Amino acid sequence: MTGLLEMALRRMEALSEEEQNAIATQILESLDDEETWARKFREHPDLLHSLAREAVEEHRRGDTRPLDESSG
């Protein structure tokens, strides 16, 4: 376990059981999402290429915007 994760877990210990469960649920859902995407890309490698091509085309059409509005 990394030091950063240990620090996060120590801070979580001070939270109520309800708050700890809420954070744990978020973490598990995030891990499940990552696993799902990784599996999809493993099973369908053309999917990532297709999504990337679509994103580039959207950007060329001007249909995108910076994530940080202050930087654009």
PDB file of N, CA and C in Angstrom:
ATOM      1  N   MET A   1       0.854  -1.176   0.000  1.00  0.00           N
ATOM      2  CA  MET A   1       0.000   0.000   0.000  1.00  0.00           C
ATOM      3  C   MET A   1       0.893   1.230   0.000  1.00  0.00           C
ATOM      4  N   THR A   2       0.513   2.211  -0.783  1.00  0.00           N
ATOM      5  CA  THR A   2       1.325   3.422  -0.866  1.00  0.00           C
ATOM      6  C   THR A   2       1.117   4.302   0.361  1.00  0.00           C
ATOM      7  N   GLY A   3       2.061   5.191   0.568  1.00  0.00           N
ATOM      8  CA  GLY A   3       1.963   6.118   1.684  1.00  0.00           C
ATOM      9  C   GLY A   3       0.750   7.028   1.557  1.00  0.00           C
ATOM     10  N   LEU A   4       0.456   7.446   0.340  1.00  0.00           N
ATOM     11  CA  LEU A   4      -0.682   8.332   0.132  1.00  0.00           C
ATOM     12  C   LEU A   4      -1.988   7.624   0.479  1.00  0.00           C
ATOM     13  N   LEU A   5      -2.113   6.386   0.075  1.00  0.00           N
ATOM     14  CA  LEU A   5      -3.332   5.645   0.398  1.00  0.00           C
ATOM     15  C   LEU A   5      -3.434   5.422   1.904  1.00  0.00           C
ATOM     16  N   GLU A   6      -2.318   5.126   2.553  1.00  0.00           N
ATOM     17  CA  GLU A   6      -2.330   4.965   4.008  1.00  0.00           C
ATOM     18  C   GLU A   6      -2.774   6.253   4.698  1.00  0.00           C
ATOM     19  N   MET A   7      -2.306   7.397   4.192  1.00  0.00           N
ATOM     20  CA  MET A   7      -2.688   8.684   4.770  1.00  0.00           C
ATOM     21  C   MET A   7      -4.196   8.903   4.601  1.00  0.00           C
ATOM     22  N   ALA A   8      -4.714   8.581   3.431  1.00  0.00           N
ATOM     23  CA  ALA A   8      -6.146   8.753   3.186  1.00  0.00           C
ATOM     24  C   ALA A   8      -6.958   7.862   4.114  1.00  0.00           C
ATOM     25  N   LEU A   9      -6.519   6.631   4.297  1.00  0.00           N
ATOM     26  CA  LEU A   9      -7.248   5.719   5.176  1.00  0.00           C
ATOM     27  C   LEU A   9      -7.205   6.173   6.627  1.00  0.00           C
ATOM     28  N   ARG A  10      -6.065   6.714   7.057  1.00  0.00           N
ATOM     29  CA  ARG A  10      -5.972   7.244   8.427  1.00  0.00           C
ATOM     30  C   ARG A  10      -6.958   8.393   8.626  1.00  0.00           C
ATOM     31  N   ARG A  11      -7.066   9.258   7.621  1.00  0.00           N
ATOM     32  CA  ARG A  11      -8.014  10.375   7.736  1.00  0.00           C
ATOM     33  C   ARG A  11      -9.450   9.872   7.747  1.00  0.00           C
ATOM     34  N   MET A  12      -9.709   8.820   6.993  1.00  0.00           N
ATOM     35  CA  MET A  12     -11.065   8.274   6.955  1.00  0.00           C
ATOM     36  C   MET A  12     -11.478   7.676   8.295  1.00  0.00           C
ATOM     37  N   GLU A  13     -10.506   7.189   9.062  1.00  0.00           N
ATOM     38  CA  GLU A  13     -10.819   6.592  10.364  1.00  0.00           C
ATOM     39  C   GLU A  13     -11.524   7.579  11.294  1.00  0.00           C
ATOM     40  N   ALA A  14     -11.276   8.863  11.098  1.00  0.00           N
ATOM     41  CA  ALA A  14     -11.875   9.879  11.964  1.00  0.00           C
ATOM     42  C   ALA A  14     -13.324  10.190  11.571  1.00  0.00           C
ATOM     43  N   LEU A  15     -13.756   9.690  10.434  1.00  0.00           N
ATOM     44  CA  LEU A  15     -15.107   9.966   9.954  1.00  0.00           C
ATOM     45  C   LEU A  15     -16.116   9.010  10.572  1.00  0.00           C
ATOM     46  N   SER A  16     -17.373   9.390  10.496  1.00  0.00           N
ATOM     47  CA  SER A  16     -18.431   8.512  10.992  1.00  0.00           C
ATOM     48  C   SER A  16     -18.525   7.265  10.109  1.00  0.00           C
ATOM     49  N   GLU A  17     -19.179   6.243  10.606  1.00  0.00           N
ATOM     50  CA  GLU A  17     -19.357   5.007   9.841  1.00  0.00           C
ATOM     51  C   GLU A  17     -20.081   5.296   8.526  1.00  0.00           C
ATOM     52  N   GLU A  18     -21.073   6.157   8.587  1.00  0.00           N
ATOM     53  CA  GLU A  18     -21.834   6.510   7.382  1.00  0.00           C
ATOM     54  C   GLU A  18     -20.934   7.171   6.335  1.00  0.00           C
ATOM     55  N   GLU A  19     -20.096   8.111   6.783  1.00  0.00           N
ATOM     56  CA  GLU A  19     -19.184   8.790   5.858  1.00  0.00           C
ATOM     57  C   GLU A  19     -18.143   7.821   5.293  1.00  0.00           C
ATOM     58  N   GLN A  20     -17.630   6.935   6.142  1.00  0.00           N
ATOM     59  CA  GLN A  20     -16.666   5.942   5.683  1.00  0.00           C
ATOM     60  C   GLN A  20     -17.285   5.041   4.622  1.00  0.00           C
ATOM     61  N   ASN A  21     -18.518   4.601   4.860  1.00  0.00           N
ATOM     62  CA  ASN A  21     -19.187   3.735   3.895  1.00  0.00           C
ATOM     63  C   ASN A  21     -19.451   4.458   2.581  1.00  0.00           C
ATOM     64  N   ALA A  22     -19.786   5.738   2.654  1.00  0.00           N
ATOM     65  CA  ALA A  22     -20.028   6.513   1.440  1.00  0.00           C
ATOM     66  C   ALA A  22     -18.755   6.617   0.602  1.00  0.00           C
ATOM     67  N   ILE A  23     -17.640   6.893   1.255  1.00  0.00           N
ATOM     68  CA  ILE A  23     -16.366   6.994   0.545  1.00  0.00           C
ATOM     69  C   ILE A  23     -15.953   5.632  -0.001  1.00  0.00           C
ATOM     70  N   ALA A  24     -16.129   4.589   0.800  1.00  0.00           N
ATOM     71  CA  ALA A  24     -15.783   3.241   0.345  1.00  0.00           C
ATOM     72  C   ALA A  24     -16.620   2.861  -0.879  1.00  0.00           C
ATOM     73  N   THR A  25     -17.883   3.222  -0.884  1.00  0.00           N
ATOM     74  CA  THR A  25     -18.751   2.948  -2.026  1.00  0.00           C
ATOM     75  C   THR A  25     -18.250   3.669  -3.272  1.00  0.00           C
ATOM     76  N   GLN A  26     -17.853   4.927  -3.114  1.00  0.00           N
ATOM     77  CA  GLN A  26     -17.320   5.691  -4.251  1.00  0.00           C
ATOM     78  C   GLN A  26     -16.051   5.035  -4.804  1.00  0.00           C
ATOM     79  N   ILE A  27     -15.176   4.621  -3.909  1.00  0.00           N
ATOM     80  CA  ILE A  27     -13.924   3.990  -4.335  1.00  0.00           C
ATOM     81  C   ILE A  27     -14.220   2.692  -5.088  1.00  0.00           C
ATOM     82  N   LEU A  28     -15.091   1.859  -4.535  1.00  0.00           N
ATOM     83  CA  LEU A  28     -15.412   0.582  -5.181  1.00  0.00           C
ATOM     84  C   LEU A  28     -16.077   0.795  -6.540  1.00  0.00           C
ATOM     85  N   GLU A  29     -16.962   1.776  -6.637  1.00  0.00           N
ATOM     86  CA  GLU A  29     -17.600   2.065  -7.918  1.00  0.00           C
ATOM     87  C   GLU A  29     -16.579   2.541  -8.937  1.00  0.00           C
ATOM     88  N   SER A  30     -15.642   3.357  -8.503  1.00  0.00           N
ATOM     89  CA  SER A  30     -14.598   3.845  -9.400  1.00  0.00           C
ATOM     90  C   SER A  30     -13.720   2.692  -9.893  1.00  0.00           C
ATOM     91  N   LEU A  31     -13.348   1.794  -8.984  1.00  0.00           N
ATOM     92  CA  LEU A  31     -12.545   0.637  -9.373  1.00  0.00           C
ATOM     93  C   LEU A  31     -13.315  -0.259 -10.336  1.00  0.00           C
ATOM     94  N   ASP A  32     -14.600  -0.443 -10.087  1.00  0.00           N
ATOM     95  CA  ASP A  32     -15.431  -1.248 -10.989  1.00  0.00           C
ATOM     96  C   ASP A  32     -15.501  -0.616 -12.373  1.00  0.00           C
ATOM     97  N   ASP A  33     -15.662   0.715 -12.416  1.00  0.00           N
ATOM     98  CA  ASP A  33     -15.702   1.418 -13.701  1.00  0.00           C
ATOM     99  C   ASP A  33     -14.402   1.227 -14.469  1.00  0.00           C
ATOM    100  N   GLU A  34     -13.282   1.385 -13.780  1.00  0.00           N
ATOM    101  CA  GLU A  34     -11.983   1.221 -14.427  1.00  0.00           C
ATOM    102  C   GLU A  34     -11.825  -0.197 -14.978  1.00  0.00           C
ATOM    103  N   GLU A  35     -12.250  -1.160 -14.193  1.00  0.00           N
ATOM    104  CA  GLU A  35     -12.162  -2.555 -14.624  1.00  0.00           C
ATOM    105  C   GLU A  35     -13.044  -2.808 -15.855  1.00  0.00           C
ATOM    106  N   THR A  36     -14.223  -2.228 -15.863  1.00  0.00           N
ATOM    107  CA  THR A  36     -15.138  -2.390 -16.991  1.00  0.00           C
ATOM    108  C   THR A  36     -14.541  -1.804 -18.264  1.00  0.00           C
ATOM    109  N   TRP A  37     -14.009  -0.564 -18.181  1.00  0.00           N
ATOM    110  CA  TRP A  37     -13.395   0.048 -19.361  1.00  0.00           C
ATOM    111  C   TRP A  37     -12.192  -0.747 -19.839  1.00  0.00           C
ATOM    112  N   ALA A  38     -11.351  -1.189 -18.926  1.00  0.00           N
ATOM    113  CA  ALA A  38     -10.170  -1.964 -19.305  1.00  0.00           C
ATOM    114  C   ALA A  38     -10.577  -3.247 -20.022  1.00  0.00           C
ATOM    115  N   ARG A  39     -11.606  -3.912 -19.504  1.00  0.00           N
ATOM    116  CA  ARG A  39     -12.076  -5.149 -20.137  1.00  0.00           C
ATOM    117  C   ARG A  39     -12.633  -4.869 -21.527  1.00  0.00           C
ATOM    118  N   LYS A  40     -13.421  -3.793 -21.660  1.00  0.00           N
ATOM    119  CA  LYS A  40     -13.980  -3.455 -22.968  1.00  0.00           C
ATOM    120  C   LYS A  40     -12.882  -3.178 -23.985  1.00  0.00           C
ATOM    121  N   PHE A  41     -11.867  -2.432 -23.569  1.00  0.00           N
ATOM    122  CA  PHE A  41     -10.790  -2.119 -24.496  1.00  0.00           C
ATOM    123  C   PHE A  41      -9.951  -3.347 -24.824  1.00  0.00           C
ATOM    124  N   ARG A  42      -9.801  -4.262 -23.871  1.00  0.00           N
ATOM    125  CA  ARG A  42      -9.094  -5.522 -24.144  1.00  0.00           C
ATOM    126  C   ARG A  42      -9.869  -6.368 -25.142  1.00  0.00           C
ATOM    127  N   GLU A  43     -11.173  -6.450 -24.938  1.00  0.00           N
ATOM    128  CA  GLU A  43     -12.010  -7.301 -25.779  1.00  0.00           C
ATOM    129  C   GLU A  43     -12.281  -6.668 -27.142  1.00  0.00           C
ATOM    130  N   HIS A  44     -12.262  -5.338 -27.200  1.00  0.00           N
ATOM    131  CA  HIS A  44     -12.575  -4.617 -28.440  1.00  0.00           C
ATOM    132  C   HIS A  44     -11.556  -3.495 -28.646  1.00  0.00           C
ATOM    133  N   PRO A  45     -10.327  -3.834 -29.033  1.00  0.00           N
ATOM    134  CA  PRO A  45      -9.282  -2.811 -29.161  1.00  0.00           C
ATOM    135  C   PRO A  45      -9.631  -1.714 -30.170  1.00  0.00           C
ATOM    136  N   ASP A  46     -10.482  -2.024 -31.133  1.00  0.00           N
ATOM    137  CA  ASP A  46     -10.881  -1.017 -32.106  1.00  0.00           C
ATOM    138  C   ASP A  46     -11.763   0.060 -31.482  1.00  0.00           C
ATOM    139  N   LEU A  47     -12.379  -0.225 -30.351  1.00  0.00           N
ATOM    140  CA  LEU A  47     -13.258   0.734 -29.684  1.00  0.00           C
ATOM    141  C   LEU A  47     -12.497   1.983 -29.264  1.00  0.00           C
ATOM    142  N   LEU A  48     -11.336   1.826 -28.646  1.00  0.00           N
ATOM    143  CA  LEU A  48     -10.556   2.983 -28.206  1.00  0.00           C
ATOM    144  C   LEU A  48     -10.117   3.813 -29.407  1.00  0.00           C
ATOM    145  N   HIS A  49      -9.690   3.145 -30.462  1.00  0.00           N
ATOM    146  CA  HIS A  49      -9.273   3.854 -31.674  1.00  0.00           C
ATOM    147  C   HIS A  49     -10.449   4.659 -32.239  1.00  0.00           C
ATOM    148  N   SER A  50     -11.624   4.060 -32.265  1.00  0.00           N
ATOM    149  CA  SER A  50     -12.820   4.729 -32.767  1.00  0.00           C
ATOM    150  C   SER A  50     -13.180   5.942 -31.907  1.00  0.00           C
ATOM    151  N   LEU A  51     -13.124   5.793 -30.586  1.00  0.00           N
ATOM    152  CA  LEU A  51     -13.431   6.907 -29.683  1.00  0.00           C
ATOM    153  C   LEU A  51     -12.423   8.044 -29.845  1.00  0.00           C
ATOM    154  N   ALA A  52     -11.149   7.696 -30.015  1.00  0.00           N
ATOM    155  CA  ALA A  52     -10.117   8.716 -30.197  1.00  0.00           C
ATOM    156  C   ALA A  52     -10.345   9.471 -31.508  1.00  0.00           C
ATOM    157  N   ARG A  53     -10.656   8.740 -32.563  1.00  0.00           N
ATOM    158  CA  ARG A  53     -10.909   9.368 -33.860  1.00  0.00           C
ATOM    159  C   ARG A  53     -12.118  10.321 -33.760  1.00  0.00           C
ATOM    160  N   GLU A  54     -13.152   9.885 -33.084  1.00  0.00           N
ATOM    161  CA  GLU A  54     -14.343  10.718 -32.901  1.00  0.00           C
ATOM    162  C   GLU A  54     -14.008  11.992 -32.121  1.00  0.00           C
ATOM    163  N   ALA A  55     -13.178  11.873 -31.080  1.00  0.00           N
ATOM    164  CA  ALA A  55     -12.788  13.040 -30.280  1.00  0.00           C
ATOM    165  C   ALA A  55     -11.987  14.031 -31.111  1.00  0.00           C
ATOM    166  N   VAL A  56     -11.080  13.531 -31.942  1.00  0.00           N
ATOM    167  CA  VAL A  56     -10.282  14.415 -32.795  1.00  0.00           C
ATOM    168  C   VAL A  56     -11.190  15.152 -33.778  1.00  0.00           C
ATOM    169  N   GLU A  57     -12.134  14.454 -34.354  1.00  0.00           N
ATOM    170  CA  GLU A  57     -13.063  15.094 -35.291  1.00  0.00           C
ATOM    171  C   GLU A  57     -13.910  16.161 -34.592  1.00  0.00           C
ATOM    172  N   GLU A  58     -14.377  15.881 -33.388  1.00  0.00           N
ATOM    173  CA  GLU A  58     -15.148  16.874 -32.635  1.00  0.00           C
ATOM    174  C   GLU A  58     -14.305  18.117 -32.372  1.00  0.00           C
ATOM    175  N   HIS A  59     -13.038  17.900 -32.033  1.00  0.00           N
ATOM    176  CA  HIS A  59     -12.145  19.026 -31.774  1.00  0.00           C
ATOM    177  C   HIS A  59     -11.936  19.844 -33.047  1.00  0.00           C
ATOM    178  N   ARG A  60     -11.724  19.174 -34.175  1.00  0.00           N
ATOM    179  CA  ARG A  60     -11.532  19.881 -35.453  1.00  0.00           C
ATOM    180  C   ARG A  60     -12.759  20.698 -35.832  1.00  0.00           C
ATOM    181  N   ARG A  61     -13.940  20.211 -35.507  1.00  0.00           N
ATOM    182  CA  ARG A  61     -15.182  20.935 -35.816  1.00  0.00           C
ATOM    183  C   ARG A  61     -15.431  22.089 -34.848  1.00  0.00           C
ATOM    184  N   GLY A  62     -14.637  22.154 -33.778  1.00  0.00           N
ATOM    185  CA  GLY A  62     -14.833  23.195 -32.776  1.00  0.00           C
ATOM    186  C   GLY A  62     -15.914  22.852 -31.773  1.00  0.00           C
ATOM    187  N   ASP A  63     -16.233  21.572 -31.667  1.00  0.00           N
ATOM    188  CA  ASP A  63     -17.284  21.125 -30.752  1.00  0.00           C
ATOM    189  C   ASP A  63     -16.767  20.808 -29.354  1.00  0.00           C
ATOM    190  N   THR A  64     -15.526  21.165 -29.065  1.00  0.00           N
ATOM    191  CA  THR A  64     -14.949  20.882 -27.753  1.00  0.00           C
ATOM    192  C   THR A  64     -14.572  22.196 -27.072  1.00  0.00           C
ATOM    193  N   ARG A  65     -14.317  22.105 -25.787  1.00  0.00           N
ATOM    194  CA  ARG A  65     -13.858  23.263 -25.031  1.00  0.00           C
ATOM    195  C   ARG A  65     -12.883  22.772 -23.974  1.00  0.00           C
ATOM    196  N   PRO A  66     -12.002  23.631 -23.526  1.00  0.00           N
ATOM    197  CA  PRO A  66     -11.036  23.225 -22.488  1.00  0.00           C
ATOM    198  C   PRO A  66     -11.744  22.798 -21.210  1.00  0.00           C
ATOM    199  N   LEU A  67     -11.167  21.841 -20.502  1.00  0.00           N
ATOM    200  CA  LEU A  67     -11.733  21.426 -19.217  1.00  0.00           C
ATOM    201  C   LEU A  67     -11.665  22.574 -18.217  1.00  0.00           C
ATOM    202  N   ASP A  68     -10.571  23.329 -18.257  1.00  0.00           N
ATOM    203  CA  ASP A  68     -10.395  24.473 -17.374  1.00  0.00           C
ATOM    204  C   ASP A  68     -10.715  25.720 -18.179  1.00  0.00           C
ATOM    205  N   GLU A  69     -11.886  26.281 -17.958  1.00  0.00           N
ATOM    206  CA  GLU A  69     -12.333  27.443 -18.732  1.00  0.00           C
ATOM    207  C   GLU A  69     -11.353  28.619 -18.664  1.00  0.00           C
ATOM    208  N   SER A  70     -10.613  28.747 -17.550  1.00  0.00           N
ATOM    209  CA  SER A  70      -9.696  29.881 -17.408  1.00  0.00           C
ATOM    210  C   SER A  70      -8.465  29.737 -18.293  1.00  0.00           C
ATOM    211  N   SER A  71      -8.204  28.506 -18.812  1.00  0.00           N
ATOM    212  CA  SER A  71      -7.009  28.307 -19.619  1.00  0.00           C
ATOM    213  C   SER A  71      -7.271  28.522 -21.093  1.00  0.00           C
ATOM    214  N   GLY A  72      -8.520  28.697 -21.511  1.00  0.00           N
ATOM    215  CA  GLY A  72      -8.799  28.789 -22.932  1.00  0.00           C
ATOM    216  C   GLY A  72      -9.217  30.127 -23.330  1.00  0.00           C
TER     217      GLY A  72
END
